[in-house]
Amino acid sequence: MTFAEGARLYVGRLFCIFNAVFETIGVAMQDDKIPNIDVEISEEIAQGIYSNLAMIAHSPSEFVLDFLQMLPGMPKAKVKTRVIMTPEHVKRFLLALENNIRKYEANFGEIKLETGKNQPFPYNGPIGEA
């Protein structure tokens, strides 16, 4: 896949998120009414960031979402990126995530969450050595 194809795929997924938000709040988007959004994405951003832990804080005017990586044998989790959003945008984002989870589970089955465990990661075992 070329960078341009990857960027188009990313923009397509981004549009799917926005479309899911509009569907969820009752606004159907017709093909002839698709907003013309010119999106530029650098190669570095297009590669994405892996995160297996998130921390969320909020104030009356904003939400702060920190995405972290927690790795085996490392004493600390590192914040890899921070996203700051208005409360309204966070709620739209939540609706879009819920919509996409429903679609995912319809295609691939239920996402099962383990309950009753007090540790977020199974990284309490021996440290790997090369």
N, C-alpha and C. Protein backbone atom coordinates (compact mmCIF):
# COMPACT_ATOMS: atom_id res chain seq x y z
N MET A 1 0.85 -1.17 0.00
CA MET A 1 0.00 0.00 0.00
C MET A 1 0.89 1.24 0.00
N THR A 2 0.60 2.15 -0.90
CA THR A 2 1.36 3.39 -0.94
C THR A 2 0.90 4.33 0.16
N PHE A 3 1.70 5.35 0.41
CA PHE A 3 1.32 6.34 1.42
C PHE A 3 0.00 7.01 1.05
N ALA A 4 -0.16 7.36 -0.22
CA ALA A 4 -1.40 8.02 -0.67
C ALA A 4 -2.61 7.12 -0.44
N GLU A 5 -2.47 5.81 -0.74
CA GLU A 5 -3.57 4.87 -0.50
C GLU A 5 -3.88 4.78 0.99
N GLY A 6 -2.84 4.75 1.80
CA GLY A 6 -3.03 4.70 3.25
C GLY A 6 -3.72 5.95 3.76
N ALA A 7 -3.34 7.09 3.22
CA ALA A 7 -3.98 8.35 3.64
C ALA A 7 -5.44 8.36 3.24
N ARG A 8 -5.75 7.86 2.02
CA ARG A 8 -7.15 7.80 1.59
C ARG A 8 -7.94 6.86 2.49
N LEU A 9 -7.33 5.72 2.86
CA LEU A 9 -7.99 4.77 3.76
C LEU A 9 -8.25 5.42 5.12
N TYR A 10 -7.26 6.15 5.62
CA TYR A 10 -7.40 6.84 6.90
C TYR A 10 -8.54 7.86 6.82
N VAL A 11 -8.56 8.65 5.76
CA VAL A 11 -9.61 9.66 5.60
C VAL A 11 -10.96 8.97 5.47
N GLY A 12 -11.01 7.84 4.77
CA GLY A 12 -12.26 7.09 4.65
C GLY A 12 -12.75 6.62 6.00
N ARG A 13 -11.84 6.13 6.83
CA ARG A 13 -12.22 5.69 8.18
C ARG A 13 -12.67 6.88 9.02
N LEU A 14 -11.97 8.01 8.87
CA LEU A 14 -12.36 9.22 9.58
C LEU A 14 -13.76 9.63 9.18
N PHE A 15 -14.06 9.57 7.88
CA PHE A 15 -15.40 9.92 7.43
C PHE A 15 -16.42 8.96 8.02
N CYS A 16 -16.07 7.67 8.10
CA CYS A 16 -16.99 6.69 8.70
C CYS A 16 -17.31 7.05 10.14
N ILE A 17 -16.31 7.52 10.88
CA ILE A 17 -16.56 7.93 12.26
C ILE A 17 -17.53 9.10 12.29
N PHE A 18 -17.28 10.13 11.47
CA PHE A 18 -18.17 11.28 11.46
C PHE A 18 -19.56 10.88 10.98
N ASN A 19 -19.63 10.02 9.98
CA ASN A 19 -20.93 9.57 9.48
C ASN A 19 -21.68 8.82 10.58
N ALA A 20 -20.96 7.99 11.35
CA ALA A 20 -21.60 7.26 12.45
C ALA A 20 -22.15 8.23 13.49
N VAL A 21 -21.43 9.30 13.75
CA VAL A 21 -21.92 10.30 14.70
C VAL A 21 -23.20 10.92 14.18
N PHE A 22 -23.22 11.32 12.90
CA PHE A 22 -24.41 11.94 12.34
C PHE A 22 -25.59 10.96 12.36
N GLU A 23 -25.33 9.68 12.03
CA GLU A 23 -26.40 8.67 12.07
C GLU A 23 -26.94 8.53 13.48
N THR A 24 -26.03 8.50 14.45
CA THR A 24 -26.43 8.31 15.84
C THR A 24 -27.29 9.46 16.35
N ILE A 25 -26.97 10.68 15.94
CA ILE A 25 -27.76 11.82 16.41
C ILE A 25 -28.92 12.13 15.48
N GLY A 26 -29.15 11.25 14.50
CA GLY A 26 -30.35 11.36 13.67
C GLY A 26 -30.21 12.22 12.43
N VAL A 27 -29.00 12.48 11.98
CA VAL A 27 -28.79 13.26 10.77
C VAL A 27 -28.17 12.34 9.73
N ALA A 28 -28.96 11.97 8.73
CA ALA A 28 -28.44 11.09 7.68
C ALA A 28 -27.63 11.92 6.69
N MET A 29 -26.47 11.42 6.33
CA MET A 29 -25.65 12.12 5.35
C MET A 29 -25.83 11.44 4.00
N GLN A 30 -26.27 12.20 3.02
CA GLN A 30 -26.44 11.69 1.67
C GLN A 30 -25.12 11.86 0.93
N ASP A 31 -24.90 11.00 -0.09
CA ASP A 31 -23.65 11.08 -0.84
C ASP A 31 -23.43 12.46 -1.44
N ASP A 32 -24.53 13.11 -1.87
CA ASP A 32 -24.36 14.43 -2.47
C ASP A 32 -24.16 15.52 -1.43
N LYS A 33 -24.27 15.18 -0.15
CA LYS A 33 -24.09 16.16 0.91
C LYS A 33 -22.85 15.86 1.75
N ILE A 34 -21.99 15.00 1.25
CA ILE A 34 -20.76 14.68 1.98
C ILE A 34 -19.90 15.93 2.01
N PRO A 35 -19.50 16.35 3.21
CA PRO A 35 -18.68 17.57 3.27
C PRO A 35 -17.34 17.35 2.59
N ASN A 36 -16.89 18.37 1.88
CA ASN A 36 -15.60 18.31 1.21
C ASN A 36 -14.54 18.71 2.22
N ILE A 37 -13.92 17.71 2.84
CA ILE A 37 -12.91 17.96 3.86
C ILE A 37 -11.55 17.63 3.26
N ASP A 38 -10.72 18.64 3.15
CA ASP A 38 -9.37 18.44 2.63
C ASP A 38 -8.48 18.11 3.82
N VAL A 39 -8.04 16.86 3.90
CA VAL A 39 -7.26 16.39 5.04
C VAL A 39 -5.85 16.08 4.57
N GLU A 40 -4.88 16.62 5.29
CA GLU A 40 -3.49 16.31 5.01
C GLU A 40 -2.94 15.54 6.20
N ILE A 41 -2.26 14.44 5.94
CA ILE A 41 -1.71 13.63 7.02
C ILE A 41 -0.26 13.29 6.69
N SER A 42 0.62 13.55 7.64
CA SER A 42 2.03 13.24 7.43
C SER A 42 2.23 11.74 7.51
N GLU A 43 3.33 11.29 6.96
CA GLU A 43 3.63 9.85 7.00
C GLU A 43 3.78 9.38 8.45
N GLU A 44 4.38 10.20 9.28
CA GLU A 44 4.57 9.84 10.69
C GLU A 44 3.23 9.65 11.40
N ILE A 45 2.29 10.56 11.18
CA ILE A 45 0.97 10.45 11.81
C ILE A 45 0.20 9.27 11.22
N ALA A 46 0.33 9.04 9.93
CA ALA A 46 -0.39 7.95 9.27
C ALA A 46 0.00 6.59 9.85
N GLN A 47 1.21 6.47 10.37
CA GLN A 47 1.64 5.19 10.95
C GLN A 47 0.93 4.90 12.26
N GLY A 48 0.43 5.91 12.94
CA GLY A 48 -0.32 5.71 14.17
C GLY A 48 0.57 5.48 15.38
N ILE A 49 -0.08 5.40 16.53
CA ILE A 49 0.58 5.16 17.81
C ILE A 49 -0.14 4.00 18.48
N TYR A 50 0.60 3.03 18.98
CA TYR A 50 -0.02 1.92 19.71
C TYR A 50 -0.22 2.35 21.16
N SER A 51 -1.41 2.08 21.68
CA SER A 51 -1.72 2.38 23.07
C SER A 51 -2.50 1.22 23.67
N ASN A 52 -2.09 0.79 24.87
CA ASN A 52 -2.84 -0.26 25.55
C ASN A 52 -3.34 0.21 26.92
N LEU A 53 -3.34 1.52 27.11
CA LEU A 53 -3.83 2.09 28.36
C LEU A 53 -4.22 3.54 28.09
N ALA A 54 -5.31 3.98 28.69
CA ALA A 54 -5.73 5.37 28.54
C ALA A 54 -6.09 5.94 29.90
N MET A 55 -5.82 7.21 30.07
CA MET A 55 -6.21 7.93 31.28
C MET A 55 -7.02 9.15 30.84
N ILE A 56 -8.09 9.42 31.55
CA ILE A 56 -8.98 10.50 31.17
C ILE A 56 -9.18 11.44 32.36
N ALA A 57 -9.04 12.73 32.10
CA ALA A 57 -9.32 13.75 33.11
C ALA A 57 -10.23 14.78 32.46
N HIS A 58 -10.93 15.55 33.28
CA HIS A 58 -11.79 16.58 32.69
C HIS A 58 -11.93 17.77 33.62
N SER A 59 -12.28 18.87 33.00
CA SER A 59 -12.64 20.10 33.70
C SER A 59 -14.01 20.50 33.16
N PRO A 60 -14.58 21.58 33.62
CA PRO A 60 -15.88 21.99 33.07
C PRO A 60 -15.84 22.28 31.57
N SER A 61 -14.67 22.62 31.05
CA SER A 61 -14.60 23.04 29.65
C SER A 61 -13.89 22.08 28.71
N GLU A 62 -13.23 21.04 29.22
CA GLU A 62 -12.50 20.15 28.32
C GLU A 62 -12.26 18.79 28.95
N PHE A 63 -12.02 17.81 28.07
CA PHE A 63 -11.58 16.48 28.46
C PHE A 63 -10.15 16.31 27.97
N VAL A 64 -9.33 15.67 28.77
CA VAL A 64 -7.95 15.37 28.39
C VAL A 64 -7.82 13.86 28.35
N LEU A 65 -7.50 13.32 27.18
CA LEU A 65 -7.33 11.88 26.99
C LEU A 65 -5.85 11.61 26.76
N ASP A 66 -5.23 10.90 27.68
CA ASP A 66 -3.83 10.49 27.53
C ASP A 66 -3.82 9.03 27.10
N PHE A 67 -3.10 8.75 26.02
CA PHE A 67 -2.94 7.38 25.53
C PHE A 67 -1.52 6.95 25.85
N LEU A 68 -1.42 5.81 26.57
CA LEU A 68 -0.13 5.35 27.08
C LEU A 68 0.22 3.98 26.52
N GLN A 69 1.51 3.65 26.62
CA GLN A 69 2.00 2.30 26.33
C GLN A 69 2.58 1.74 27.62
N MET A 70 2.11 0.56 27.98
CA MET A 70 2.67 -0.14 29.13
C MET A 70 3.32 -1.41 28.59
N LEU A 71 4.62 -1.55 28.83
CA LEU A 71 5.36 -2.67 28.27
C LEU A 71 5.89 -3.57 29.36
N PRO A 72 6.05 -4.87 29.06
CA PRO A 72 6.56 -5.81 30.07
C PRO A 72 7.95 -5.40 30.54
N GLY A 73 8.17 -5.52 31.83
CA GLY A 73 9.49 -5.25 32.39
C GLY A 73 9.82 -3.78 32.55
N MET A 74 8.92 -2.90 32.17
CA MET A 74 9.17 -1.46 32.29
C MET A 74 8.45 -0.96 33.54
N PRO A 75 9.13 -0.16 34.35
CA PRO A 75 8.52 0.29 35.60
C PRO A 75 7.43 1.35 35.42
N LYS A 76 7.42 2.04 34.30
CA LYS A 76 6.45 3.12 34.09
C LYS A 76 5.77 2.96 32.74
N ALA A 77 4.53 3.43 32.69
CA ALA A 77 3.82 3.55 31.41
C ALA A 77 4.14 4.93 30.85
N LYS A 78 4.38 5.01 29.54
CA LYS A 78 4.71 6.29 28.91
C LYS A 78 3.51 6.85 28.18
N VAL A 79 3.25 8.14 28.39
CA VAL A 79 2.22 8.82 27.61
C VAL A 79 2.77 9.00 26.20
N LYS A 80 2.06 8.43 25.22
CA LYS A 80 2.50 8.52 23.83
C LYS A 80 1.86 9.69 23.10
N THR A 81 0.63 10.02 23.49
CA THR A 81 -0.02 11.19 22.89
C THR A 81 -1.14 11.66 23.81
N ARG A 82 -1.48 12.92 23.68
CA ARG A 82 -2.55 13.52 24.48
C ARG A 82 -3.51 14.20 23.51
N VAL A 83 -4.80 13.96 23.74
CA VAL A 83 -5.85 14.58 22.93
C VAL A 83 -6.74 15.37 23.87
N ILE A 84 -6.98 16.63 23.53
CA ILE A 84 -7.83 17.50 24.34
C ILE A 84 -9.06 17.85 23.51
N MET A 85 -10.26 17.62 24.08
CA MET A 85 -11.51 17.86 23.35
C MET A 85 -12.52 18.57 24.24
N THR A 86 -13.47 19.23 23.58
CA THR A 86 -14.58 19.82 24.32
C THR A 86 -15.50 18.70 24.79
N PRO A 87 -16.30 18.94 25.83
CA PRO A 87 -17.24 17.91 26.28
C PRO A 87 -18.20 17.46 25.18
N GLU A 88 -18.65 18.39 24.35
CA GLU A 88 -19.57 18.03 23.26
C GLU A 88 -18.90 17.10 22.26
N HIS A 89 -17.65 17.40 21.92
CA HIS A 89 -16.94 16.55 20.96
C HIS A 89 -16.67 15.17 21.56
N VAL A 90 -16.35 15.11 22.85
CA VAL A 90 -16.12 13.81 23.49
C VAL A 90 -17.39 12.97 23.44
N LYS A 91 -18.54 13.60 23.67
CA LYS A 91 -19.80 12.84 23.62
C LYS A 91 -20.06 12.33 22.21
N ARG A 92 -19.80 13.15 21.19
CA ARG A 92 -19.95 12.69 19.80
C ARG A 92 -18.99 11.54 19.50
N PHE A 93 -17.77 11.67 20.02
CA PHE A 93 -16.77 10.62 19.83
C PHE A 93 -17.23 9.32 20.48
N LEU A 94 -17.79 9.40 21.69
CA LEU A 94 -18.32 8.23 22.38
C LEU A 94 -19.44 7.58 21.56
N LEU A 95 -20.35 8.38 21.03
CA LEU A 95 -21.43 7.84 20.20
C LEU A 95 -20.87 7.13 18.97
N ALA A 96 -19.85 7.72 18.36
CA ALA A 96 -19.23 7.09 17.18
C ALA A 96 -18.55 5.79 17.56
N LEU A 97 -17.86 5.75 18.70
CA LEU A 97 -17.23 4.51 19.16
C LEU A 97 -18.27 3.44 19.42
N GLU A 98 -19.37 3.80 20.10
CA GLU A 98 -20.43 2.83 20.37
C GLU A 98 -20.99 2.27 19.07
N ASN A 99 -21.22 3.13 18.09
CA ASN A 99 -21.73 2.70 16.80
C ASN A 99 -20.76 1.74 16.12
N ASN A 100 -19.47 2.07 16.15
CA ASN A 100 -18.48 1.22 15.51
C ASN A 100 -18.28 -0.09 16.25
N ILE A 101 -18.41 -0.09 17.57
CA ILE A 101 -18.32 -1.35 18.33
C ILE A 101 -19.48 -2.26 17.95
N ARG A 102 -20.69 -1.70 17.83
CA ARG A 102 -21.84 -2.51 17.39
C ARG A 102 -21.57 -3.14 16.03
N LYS A 103 -21.05 -2.36 15.10
CA LYS A 103 -20.75 -2.88 13.75
C LYS A 103 -19.66 -3.95 13.82
N TYR A 104 -18.61 -3.70 14.62
CA TYR A 104 -17.53 -4.66 14.77
C TYR A 104 -18.06 -5.98 15.31
N GLU A 105 -18.86 -5.91 16.39
CA GLU A 105 -19.38 -7.12 17.01
C GLU A 105 -20.37 -7.84 16.10
N ALA A 106 -21.08 -7.13 15.26
CA ALA A 106 -21.97 -7.77 14.28
C ALA A 106 -21.16 -8.58 13.28
N ASN A 107 -19.96 -8.11 12.94
CA ASN A 107 -19.11 -8.81 11.97
C ASN A 107 -18.23 -9.89 12.60
N PHE A 108 -17.70 -9.62 13.79
CA PHE A 108 -16.66 -10.49 14.35
C PHE A 108 -17.03 -11.15 15.67
N GLY A 109 -18.18 -10.84 16.21
CA GLY A 109 -18.59 -11.41 17.49
C GLY A 109 -18.32 -10.46 18.64
N GLU A 110 -18.90 -10.80 19.78
CA GLU A 110 -18.82 -9.94 20.95
C GLU A 110 -17.38 -9.78 21.44
N ILE A 111 -17.04 -8.57 21.81
CA ILE A 111 -15.76 -8.30 22.46
C ILE A 111 -15.96 -8.62 23.94
N LYS A 112 -15.27 -9.64 24.41
CA LYS A 112 -15.45 -10.07 25.80
C LYS A 112 -14.43 -9.36 26.69
N LEU A 113 -14.92 -8.84 27.79
CA LEU A 113 -14.06 -8.20 28.77
C LEU A 113 -13.97 -9.09 29.99
N GLU A 114 -12.75 -9.30 30.48
CA GLU A 114 -12.57 -10.08 31.70
C GLU A 114 -12.99 -9.22 32.88
N THR A 115 -13.76 -9.81 33.78
CA THR A 115 -14.20 -9.07 34.96
C THR A 115 -13.66 -9.73 36.21
N GLY A 116 -13.61 -8.99 37.29
CA GLY A 116 -13.18 -9.55 38.56
C GLY A 116 -11.68 -9.59 38.76
N LYS A 117 -10.93 -9.09 37.81
CA LYS A 117 -9.47 -9.08 37.97
C LYS A 117 -9.05 -7.67 38.34
N ASN A 118 -8.06 -7.57 39.20
CA ASN A 118 -7.63 -6.27 39.68
C ASN A 118 -6.35 -5.79 39.01
N GLN A 119 -5.90 -6.47 37.99
CA GLN A 119 -4.70 -6.03 37.30
C GLN A 119 -5.03 -5.79 35.83
N PRO A 120 -4.63 -4.63 35.31
CA PRO A 120 -4.99 -4.31 33.94
C PRO A 120 -4.21 -5.08 32.89
N PHE A 121 -3.02 -5.58 33.23
CA PHE A 121 -2.18 -6.26 32.25
C PHE A 121 -1.54 -7.48 32.88
N PRO A 122 -1.30 -8.51 32.10
CA PRO A 122 -0.62 -9.70 32.62
C PRO A 122 0.90 -9.52 32.59
N TYR A 123 1.39 -8.36 33.01
CA TYR A 123 2.82 -8.07 32.94
C TYR A 123 3.50 -8.25 34.30
N ASN A 124 2.94 -9.12 35.14
CA ASN A 124 3.52 -9.30 36.46
C ASN A 124 4.43 -10.52 36.53
N GLY A 125 4.67 -11.16 35.42
CA GLY A 125 5.49 -12.36 35.39
C GLY A 125 6.96 -12.04 35.24
N PRO A 126 7.75 -13.05 34.92
CA PRO A 126 9.19 -12.83 34.77
C PRO A 126 9.48 -11.93 33.57
N ILE A 127 10.57 -11.22 33.68
CA ILE A 127 11.01 -10.33 32.60
C ILE A 127 11.71 -11.16 31.55
N GLY A 128 11.34 -10.96 30.29
CA GLY A 128 11.98 -11.68 29.20
C GLY A 128 13.42 -11.25 29.00
N GLU A 129 14.25 -12.20 28.60
CA GLU A 129 15.66 -11.89 28.33
C GLU A 129 16.03 -12.43 26.97
N ALA A 130 16.90 -11.72 26.29
CA ALA A 130 17.35 -12.16 24.96
C ALA A 130 18.63 -12.93 25.07
